[in-house]
Amino acid sequence: MEYILGNVTEILLLLFLMIVFLQSSIDKIVDWKGNLSFQKQHFAKTFMKDLVPFLLATITVTELTTGILCTLGLYQIVVLGKESLALFGAIVACISLLMLLLGQRIAKDYGGAQTIVIYLVPAVFLVFLLQE
């Protein structure tokens, strides 16, 4: 219990990332056609328009991987007192968010890009906390 209380910030941030990435990836899987249609329209005027199905699949896999790593990292911290998977999850979360940020900037959706930064800050902070 002492280790949990000593790592409560990391645990809360992992829970945050788990919710964000598991929900997002599951939504993309469950409503693939709707997400694909939206993304095709979103990137219609960019050089990425023909890559949308591949890019959507890539970000879906990356987000699901992030959610799983953060879940396993949370388990590892709480049960085993180790942080390696949590660190990998936080790093992959940052990479996922940077991919999303790049896409929003390319689509010239600057409001969407700002929103991504709101998620990126706690993810980078978690990487900082978990580095030894």
C-alpha atoms as a PDB file:
ATOM      1  CA  MET A   1       0.000   0.000   0.000  1.00  0.00           C
ATOM      2  CA  GLU A   2       2.878   2.354   0.732  1.00  0.00           C
ATOM      3  CA  TYR A   3       4.220   1.922  -2.799  1.00  0.00           C
ATOM      4  CA  ILE A   4       0.784   2.738  -4.232  1.00  0.00           C
ATOM      5  CA  LEU A   5       0.500   5.950  -2.206  1.00  0.00           C
ATOM      6  CA  GLY A   6       4.053   6.859  -3.163  1.00  0.00           C
ATOM      7  CA  ASN A   7       3.132   6.531  -6.858  1.00  0.00           C
ATOM      8  CA  VAL A   8      -0.386   7.939  -6.841  1.00  0.00           C
ATOM      9  CA  THR A   9       0.426  10.585  -9.484  1.00  0.00           C
ATOM     10  CA  GLU A  10       1.762   7.961 -11.892  1.00  0.00           C
ATOM     11  CA  ILE A  11      -1.256   5.731 -11.214  1.00  0.00           C
ATOM     12  CA  LEU A  12      -3.729   8.537 -11.872  1.00  0.00           C
ATOM     13  CA  LEU A  13      -1.955   9.517 -15.092  1.00  0.00           C
ATOM     14  CA  LEU A  14      -1.921   5.889 -16.250  1.00  0.00           C
ATOM     15  CA  LEU A  15      -5.654   5.650 -15.557  1.00  0.00           C
ATOM     16  CA  PHE A  16      -6.171   8.840 -17.568  1.00  0.00           C
ATOM     17  CA  LEU A  17      -4.207   7.468 -20.538  1.00  0.00           C
ATOM     18  CA  MET A  18      -5.943   4.095 -20.299  1.00  0.00           C
ATOM     19  CA  ILE A  19      -9.364   5.765 -20.528  1.00  0.00           C
ATOM     20  CA  VAL A  20      -8.326   8.032 -23.404  1.00  0.00           C
ATOM     21  CA  PHE A  21      -6.645   5.410 -25.557  1.00  0.00           C
ATOM     22  CA  LEU A  22      -8.801   2.364 -24.882  1.00  0.00           C
ATOM     23  CA  GLN A  23     -11.990   4.351 -25.493  1.00  0.00           C
ATOM     24  CA  SER A  24     -10.597   5.950 -28.643  1.00  0.00           C
ATOM     25  CA  SER A  25      -9.287   2.726 -30.150  1.00  0.00           C
ATOM     26  CA  ILE A  26     -12.421   0.753 -29.286  1.00  0.00           C
ATOM     27  CA  ASP A  27     -14.569   3.504 -30.827  1.00  0.00           C
ATOM     28  CA  LYS A  28     -12.520   3.320 -34.030  1.00  0.00           C
ATOM     29  CA  ILE A  29     -12.916  -0.464 -34.153  1.00  0.00           C
ATOM     30  CA  VAL A  30     -16.654  -0.502 -33.358  1.00  0.00           C
ATOM     31  CA  ASP A  31     -17.497   2.363 -35.743  1.00  0.00           C
ATOM     32  CA  TRP A  32     -14.837   1.782 -38.391  1.00  0.00           C
ATOM     33  CA  LYS A  33     -17.031   2.931 -41.296  1.00  0.00           C
ATOM     34  CA  GLY A  34     -18.100   6.127 -39.550  1.00  0.00           C
ATOM     35  CA  ASN A  35     -14.559   6.997 -38.516  1.00  0.00           C
ATOM     36  CA  LEU A  36     -13.201   6.208 -41.977  1.00  0.00           C
ATOM     37  CA  SER A  37     -15.858   8.385 -43.610  1.00  0.00           C
ATOM     38  CA  PHE A  38     -15.112  11.271 -41.240  1.00  0.00           C
ATOM     39  CA  GLN A  39     -11.341  10.993 -41.731  1.00  0.00           C
ATOM     40  CA  LYS A  40     -11.645  10.816 -45.534  1.00  0.00           C
ATOM     41  CA  GLN A  41     -13.597  14.054 -45.441  1.00  0.00           C
ATOM     42  CA  HIS A  42     -11.217  15.609 -42.894  1.00  0.00           C
ATOM     43  CA  PHE A  43      -8.150  14.894 -45.057  1.00  0.00           C
ATOM     44  CA  ALA A  44      -9.817  15.334 -48.476  1.00  0.00           C
ATOM     45  CA  LYS A  45      -7.758  18.413 -49.365  1.00  0.00           C
ATOM     46  CA  THR A  46      -4.400  17.059 -48.188  1.00  0.00           C
ATOM     47  CA  PHE A  47      -1.713  14.855 -49.681  1.00  0.00           C
ATOM     48  CA  MET A  48      -2.804  12.178 -47.190  1.00  0.00           C
ATOM     49  CA  LYS A  49      -6.285  11.690 -48.702  1.00  0.00           C
ATOM     50  CA  ASP A  50      -5.421   8.378 -50.384  1.00  0.00           C
ATOM     51  CA  LEU A  51      -3.644   7.064 -47.264  1.00  0.00           C
ATOM     52  CA  VAL A  52      -6.557   7.549 -44.856  1.00  0.00           C
ATOM     53  CA  PRO A  53      -7.518   3.848 -44.470  1.00  0.00           C
ATOM     54  CA  PHE A  54      -3.894   2.863 -43.791  1.00  0.00           C
ATOM     55  CA  LEU A  55      -3.330   5.798 -41.437  1.00  0.00           C
ATOM     56  CA  LEU A  56      -6.577   5.132 -39.553  1.00  0.00           C
ATOM     57  CA  ALA A  57      -5.581   1.480 -39.103  1.00  0.00           C
ATOM     58  CA  THR A  58      -2.123   2.551 -37.954  1.00  0.00           C
ATOM     59  CA  ILE A  59      -3.412   5.009 -35.360  1.00  0.00           C
ATOM     60  CA  THR A  60      -6.014   2.493 -34.173  1.00  0.00           C
ATOM     61  CA  VAL A  61      -3.342  -0.150 -33.549  1.00  0.00           C
ATOM     62  CA  THR A  62      -1.074   2.420 -31.907  1.00  0.00           C
ATOM     63  CA  GLU A  63      -3.845   3.662 -29.619  1.00  0.00           C
ATOM     64  CA  LEU A  64      -4.888   0.125 -28.667  1.00  0.00           C
ATOM     65  CA  THR A  65      -1.253  -0.754 -27.954  1.00  0.00           C
ATOM     66  CA  THR A  66      -0.964   2.365 -25.793  1.00  0.00           C
ATOM     67  CA  GLY A  67      -4.070   1.463 -23.814  1.00  0.00           C
ATOM     68  CA  ILE A  68      -2.877  -2.105 -23.261  1.00  0.00           C
ATOM     69  CA  LEU A  69       0.626  -1.015 -22.227  1.00  0.00           C
ATOM     70  CA  CYS A  70      -0.792   1.529 -19.786  1.00  0.00           C
ATOM     71  CA  THR A  71      -3.121  -1.120 -18.340  1.00  0.00           C
ATOM     72  CA  LEU A  72      -0.271  -3.586 -17.935  1.00  0.00           C
ATOM     73  CA  GLY A  73       1.932  -0.799 -16.576  1.00  0.00           C
ATOM     74  CA  LEU A  74      -0.671   0.047 -13.966  1.00  0.00           C
ATOM     75  CA  TYR A  75      -0.835  -3.608 -12.936  1.00  0.00           C
ATOM     76  CA  GLN A  76       2.961  -3.781 -12.810  1.00  0.00           C
ATOM     77  CA  ILE A  77       3.196  -0.702 -10.573  1.00  0.00           C
ATOM     78  CA  VAL A  78       0.389  -1.704  -8.205  1.00  0.00           C
ATOM     79  CA  VAL A  79       1.186  -5.420  -7.913  1.00  0.00           C
ATOM     80  CA  LEU A  80       4.880  -5.801  -8.710  1.00  0.00           C
ATOM     81  CA  GLY A  81       6.279  -2.401  -7.808  1.00  0.00           C
ATOM     82  CA  LYS A  82       7.946  -1.998 -11.211  1.00  0.00           C
ATOM     83  CA  GLU A  83       7.513   0.770 -13.770  1.00  0.00           C
ATOM     84  CA  SER A  84       8.975  -0.434 -17.080  1.00  0.00           C
ATOM     85  CA  LEU A  85       5.684  -1.157 -18.879  1.00  0.00           C
ATOM     86  CA  ALA A  86       4.191   2.073 -17.582  1.00  0.00           C
ATOM     87  CA  LEU A  87       7.123   3.970 -19.086  1.00  0.00           C
ATOM     88  CA  PHE A  88       6.713   2.188 -22.427  1.00  0.00           C
ATOM     89  CA  GLY A  89       2.986   2.956 -22.333  1.00  0.00           C
ATOM     90  CA  ALA A  90       3.639   6.631 -21.638  1.00  0.00           C
ATOM     91  CA  ILE A  91       6.186   6.826 -24.461  1.00  0.00           C
ATOM     92  CA  VAL A  92       3.841   5.152 -26.954  1.00  0.00           C
ATOM     93  CA  ALA A  93       1.082   7.514 -25.762  1.00  0.00           C
ATOM     94  CA  CYS A  94       3.322  10.469 -26.627  1.00  0.00           C
ATOM     95  CA  ILE A  95       4.095   8.978 -30.037  1.00  0.00           C
ATOM     96  CA  SER A  96       0.370   8.376 -30.675  1.00  0.00           C
ATOM     97  CA  LEU A  97      -0.468  11.929 -29.718  1.00  0.00           C
ATOM     98  CA  LEU A  98       2.324  13.339 -31.871  1.00  0.00           C
ATOM     99  CA  MET A  99       0.955  11.334 -34.821  1.00  0.00           C
ATOM    100  CA  LEU A 100      -2.509  12.763 -34.183  1.00  0.00           C
ATOM    101  CA  LEU A 101      -1.072  16.267 -33.787  1.00  0.00           C
ATOM    102  CA  LEU A 102       0.735  16.001 -37.113  1.00  0.00           C
ATOM    103  CA  GLY A 103      -2.466  14.889 -38.804  1.00  0.00           C
ATOM    104  CA  GLN A 104      -4.436  17.789 -37.363  1.00  0.00           C
ATOM    105  CA  ARG A 105      -1.779  20.275 -38.457  1.00  0.00           C
ATOM    106  CA  ILE A 106      -1.682  18.812 -41.975  1.00  0.00           C
ATOM    107  CA  ALA A 107      -5.485  19.042 -42.171  1.00  0.00           C
ATOM    108  CA  LYS A 108      -5.180  22.639 -40.940  1.00  0.00           C
ATOM    109  CA  ASP A 109      -7.467  21.837 -38.022  1.00  0.00           C
ATOM    110  CA  TYR A 110      -5.688  24.083 -35.560  1.00  0.00           C
ATOM    111  CA  GLY A 111      -8.413  23.794 -32.923  1.00  0.00           C
ATOM    112  CA  GLY A 112      -8.091  20.009 -33.072  1.00  0.00           C
ATOM    113  CA  ALA A 113      -4.316  20.336 -32.783  1.00  0.00           C
ATOM    114  CA  GLN A 114      -4.723  22.455 -29.654  1.00  0.00           C
ATOM    115  CA  THR A 115      -6.905  19.760 -28.138  1.00  0.00           C
ATOM    116  CA  ILE A 116      -4.230  17.115 -28.779  1.00  0.00           C
ATOM    117  CA  VAL A 117      -1.697  19.229 -26.869  1.00  0.00           C
ATOM    118  CA  ILE A 118      -3.979  19.121 -23.813  1.00  0.00           C
ATOM    119  CA  TYR A 119      -3.559  15.321 -23.823  1.00  0.00           C
ATOM    120  CA  LEU A 120       0.140  15.460 -24.680  1.00  0.00           C
ATOM    121  CA  VAL A 121       1.140  17.480 -21.600  1.00  0.00           C
ATOM    122  CA  PRO A 122       0.140  14.853 -18.995  1.00  0.00           C
ATOM    123  CA  ALA A 123       1.588  12.070 -21.164  1.00  0.00           C
ATOM    124  CA  VAL A 124       4.969  13.816 -21.344  1.00  0.00           C
ATOM    125  CA  PHE A 125       4.775  14.526 -17.614  1.00  0.00           C
ATOM    126  CA  LEU A 126       4.221  10.812 -16.980  1.00  0.00           C
ATOM    127  CA  VAL A 127       7.319   9.975 -19.041  1.00  0.00           C
ATOM    128  CA  PHE A 128       9.230  12.482 -16.931  1.00  0.00           C
ATOM    129  CA  LEU A 129       7.990  10.936 -13.670  1.00  0.00           C
ATOM    130  CA  LEU A 130       8.781   7.374 -14.753  1.00  0.00           C
ATOM    131  CA  GLN A 131      12.297   8.025 -16.022  1.00  0.00           C
ATOM    132  CA  GLU A 132      15.024   6.908 -13.658  1.00  0.00           C
END
